[in-house]
Amino acid sequence: MTIKVNNIACVGGEITPSLWSRIDLDKVKVGLSKCRNFIPFAHGGARYRMGTKYIAEVGSECVLHVMEYTSEPSILLEFGIGYIRFVKDGAYIIGGDGEPY
């Protein structure tokens, strides 16, 4: 007979399968057997993991950096070989010639 127990704490993080049967450990009582696409809070509970959003295909191999200011929305910088592109509010910042700035 299987008994399911609701875990509302989630403060133990993800527990390795070798510890699942160790109900005598406090960490197991507040842990999760599998935590996918969630981030557990230290004080209990969990929230959805942030995802990604497709904006456009990159020109070549690139590195992404986020430029953040306190009072303005962040700008994503795409550093490629010989170019830098700027992304703000989910779209490329376009220059006067219609190309990504």
C-alpha atoms as a PDB file:
ATOM      1  CA  MET A   1       0.000   0.000   0.000  1.00  0.00           C
ATOM      2  CA  THR A   2       1.445   3.362  -1.046  1.00  0.00           C
ATOM      3  CA  ILE A   3       1.075   6.374   1.194  1.00  0.00           C
ATOM      4  CA  LYS A   4       1.717   9.809  -0.276  1.00  0.00           C
ATOM      5  CA  VAL A   5       2.736  12.611   2.047  1.00  0.00           C
ATOM      6  CA  ASN A   6       2.463  16.246   1.024  1.00  0.00           C
ATOM      7  CA  ASN A   7       5.630  18.244   1.550  1.00  0.00           C
ATOM      8  CA  ILE A   8       4.931  21.940   1.957  1.00  0.00           C
ATOM      9  CA  ALA A   9       8.354  23.004   3.218  1.00  0.00           C
ATOM     10  CA  CYS A  10      10.803  22.143   0.393  1.00  0.00           C
ATOM     11  CA  VAL A  11      13.668  23.680   2.414  1.00  0.00           C
ATOM     12  CA  GLY A  12      15.833  20.568   2.166  1.00  0.00           C
ATOM     13  CA  GLY A  13      16.448  20.956  -1.556  1.00  0.00           C
ATOM     14  CA  GLU A  14      16.692  17.926  -3.831  1.00  0.00           C
ATOM     15  CA  ILE A  15      17.547  14.701  -1.992  1.00  0.00           C
ATOM     16  CA  THR A  16      19.651  11.950  -3.562  1.00  0.00           C
ATOM     17  CA  PRO A  17      17.782   8.661  -4.221  1.00  0.00           C
ATOM     18  CA  SER A  18      20.041   6.831  -1.762  1.00  0.00           C
ATOM     19  CA  LEU A  19      18.487   8.879   1.071  1.00  0.00           C
ATOM     20  CA  TRP A  20      14.814   8.507   0.094  1.00  0.00           C
ATOM     21  CA  SER A  21      14.275   5.645   2.541  1.00  0.00           C
ATOM     22  CA  ARG A  22      15.963   7.474   5.451  1.00  0.00           C
ATOM     23  CA  ILE A  23      12.813   8.950   7.005  1.00  0.00           C
ATOM     24  CA  ASP A  24      14.661   9.349  10.301  1.00  0.00           C
ATOM     25  CA  LEU A  25      16.681  12.280   8.896  1.00  0.00           C
ATOM     26  CA  ASP A  26      15.097  15.716   9.243  1.00  0.00           C
ATOM     27  CA  LYS A  27      16.596  16.865   5.943  1.00  0.00           C
ATOM     28  CA  VAL A  28      14.741  14.090   4.094  1.00  0.00           C
ATOM     29  CA  LYS A  29      11.416  15.092   5.650  1.00  0.00           C
ATOM     30  CA  VAL A  30      11.675  18.583   4.166  1.00  0.00           C
ATOM     31  CA  GLY A  31      13.478  17.645   0.933  1.00  0.00           C
ATOM     32  CA  LEU A  32      12.273  16.918  -2.579  1.00  0.00           C
ATOM     33  CA  SER A  33      12.805  13.705  -4.516  1.00  0.00           C
ATOM     34  CA  LYS A  34      12.854  15.642  -7.803  1.00  0.00           C
ATOM     35  CA  CYS A  35      12.898  19.408  -8.339  1.00  0.00           C
ATOM     36  CA  ARG A  36      12.675  20.305 -12.024  1.00  0.00           C
ATOM     37  CA  ASN A  37      12.058  23.842 -13.328  1.00  0.00           C
ATOM     38  CA  PHE A  38      11.527  25.165  -9.802  1.00  0.00           C
ATOM     39  CA  ILE A  39      13.764  27.109  -7.440  1.00  0.00           C
ATOM     40  CA  PRO A  40      13.164  26.277  -3.760  1.00  0.00           C
ATOM     41  CA  PHE A  41      13.197  29.145  -1.267  1.00  0.00           C
ATOM     42  CA  ALA A  42      15.361  28.846   1.859  1.00  0.00           C
ATOM     43  CA  HIS A  43      12.319  29.672   4.018  1.00  0.00           C
ATOM     44  CA  GLY A  44      10.058  27.108   2.319  1.00  0.00           C
ATOM     45  CA  GLY A  45       8.039  26.773  -0.849  1.00  0.00           C
ATOM     46  CA  ALA A  46       9.290  27.102  -4.407  1.00  0.00           C
ATOM     47  CA  ARG A  47       8.751  29.217  -7.508  1.00  0.00           C
ATOM     48  CA  TYR A  48       8.939  28.540 -11.220  1.00  0.00           C
ATOM     49  CA  ARG A  49      12.389  28.823 -12.770  1.00  0.00           C
ATOM     50  CA  MET A  50      12.725  31.719 -15.161  1.00  0.00           C
ATOM     51  CA  GLY A  51      12.776  30.668 -18.775  1.00  0.00           C
ATOM     52  CA  THR A  52      14.262  32.047 -21.937  1.00  0.00           C
ATOM     53  CA  LYS A  53      12.720  33.903 -24.838  1.00  0.00           C
ATOM     54  CA  TYR A  54      13.688  33.550 -28.499  1.00  0.00           C
ATOM     55  CA  ILE A  55      14.437  36.971 -29.990  1.00  0.00           C
ATOM     56  CA  ALA A  56      16.471  36.284 -33.124  1.00  0.00           C
ATOM     57  CA  GLU A  57      19.187  34.071 -34.534  1.00  0.00           C
ATOM     58  CA  VAL A  58      22.722  35.222 -33.757  1.00  0.00           C
ATOM     59  CA  GLY A  59      25.211  35.996 -36.524  1.00  0.00           C
ATOM     60  CA  SER A  60      28.022  33.732 -35.299  1.00  0.00           C
ATOM     61  CA  GLU A  61      29.452  32.497 -32.024  1.00  0.00           C
ATOM     62  CA  CYS A  62      28.685  35.114 -29.427  1.00  0.00           C
ATOM     63  CA  VAL A  63      28.698  35.936 -25.735  1.00  0.00           C
ATOM     64  CA  LEU A  64      25.711  37.530 -23.985  1.00  0.00           C
ATOM     65  CA  HIS A  65      26.003  40.070 -21.172  1.00  0.00           C
ATOM     66  CA  VAL A  66      23.292  42.017 -19.369  1.00  0.00           C
ATOM     67  CA  MET A  67      23.765  45.731 -18.685  1.00  0.00           C
ATOM     68  CA  GLU A  68      21.520  46.828 -15.815  1.00  0.00           C
ATOM     69  CA  TYR A  69      20.802  50.227 -14.327  1.00  0.00           C
ATOM     70  CA  THR A  70      18.693  50.832 -11.261  1.00  0.00           C
ATOM     71  CA  SER A  71      16.077  53.082 -12.838  1.00  0.00           C
ATOM     72  CA  GLU A  72      15.943  51.759 -16.417  1.00  0.00           C
ATOM     73  CA  PRO A  73      15.169  48.383 -18.010  1.00  0.00           C
ATOM     74  CA  SER A  74      18.176  46.163 -18.641  1.00  0.00           C
ATOM     75  CA  ILE A  75      19.868  45.946 -22.043  1.00  0.00           C
ATOM     76  CA  LEU A  76      21.238  42.669 -23.398  1.00  0.00           C
ATOM     77  CA  LEU A  77      24.581  42.942 -25.197  1.00  0.00           C
ATOM     78  CA  GLU A  78      25.435  40.356 -27.861  1.00  0.00           C
ATOM     79  CA  PHE A  79      29.210  40.299 -28.433  1.00  0.00           C
ATOM     80  CA  GLY A  80      30.134  38.479 -31.634  1.00  0.00           C
ATOM     81  CA  ILE A  81      33.255  38.359 -33.796  1.00  0.00           C
ATOM     82  CA  GLY A  82      33.584  41.942 -35.017  1.00  0.00           C
ATOM     83  CA  TYR A  83      30.173  43.177 -33.821  1.00  0.00           C
ATOM     84  CA  ILE A  84      28.049  44.117 -30.809  1.00  0.00           C
ATOM     85  CA  ARG A  85      24.242  44.090 -30.912  1.00  0.00           C
ATOM     86  CA  PHE A  86      21.939  45.623 -28.328  1.00  0.00           C
ATOM     87  CA  VAL A  87      18.606  44.099 -27.274  1.00  0.00           C
ATOM     88  CA  LYS A  88      16.047  46.066 -25.257  1.00  0.00           C
ATOM     89  CA  ASP A  89      12.460  45.092 -24.400  1.00  0.00           C
ATOM     90  CA  GLY A  90      12.744  41.823 -26.347  1.00  0.00           C
ATOM     91  CA  ALA A  91      13.893  43.315 -29.674  1.00  0.00           C
ATOM     92  CA  TYR A  92      17.097  44.512 -31.306  1.00  0.00           C
ATOM     93  CA  ILE A  93      17.751  48.242 -31.132  1.00  0.00           C
ATOM     94  CA  ILE A  94      17.636  49.268 -34.809  1.00  0.00           C
ATOM     95  CA  GLY A  95      19.932  51.959 -36.273  1.00  0.00           C
ATOM     96  CA  GLY A  96      19.015  54.555 -38.916  1.00  0.00           C
ATOM     97  CA  ASP A  97      19.879  52.169 -41.764  1.00  0.00           C
ATOM     98  CA  GLY A  98      17.421  49.513 -40.539  1.00  0.00           C
ATOM     99  CA  GLU A  99      20.146  47.174 -39.282  1.00  0.00           C
ATOM    100  CA  PRO A 100      20.515  46.105 -35.646  1.00  0.00           C
ATOM    101  CA  TYR A 101      22.531  48.797 -33.873  1.00  0.00           C
END
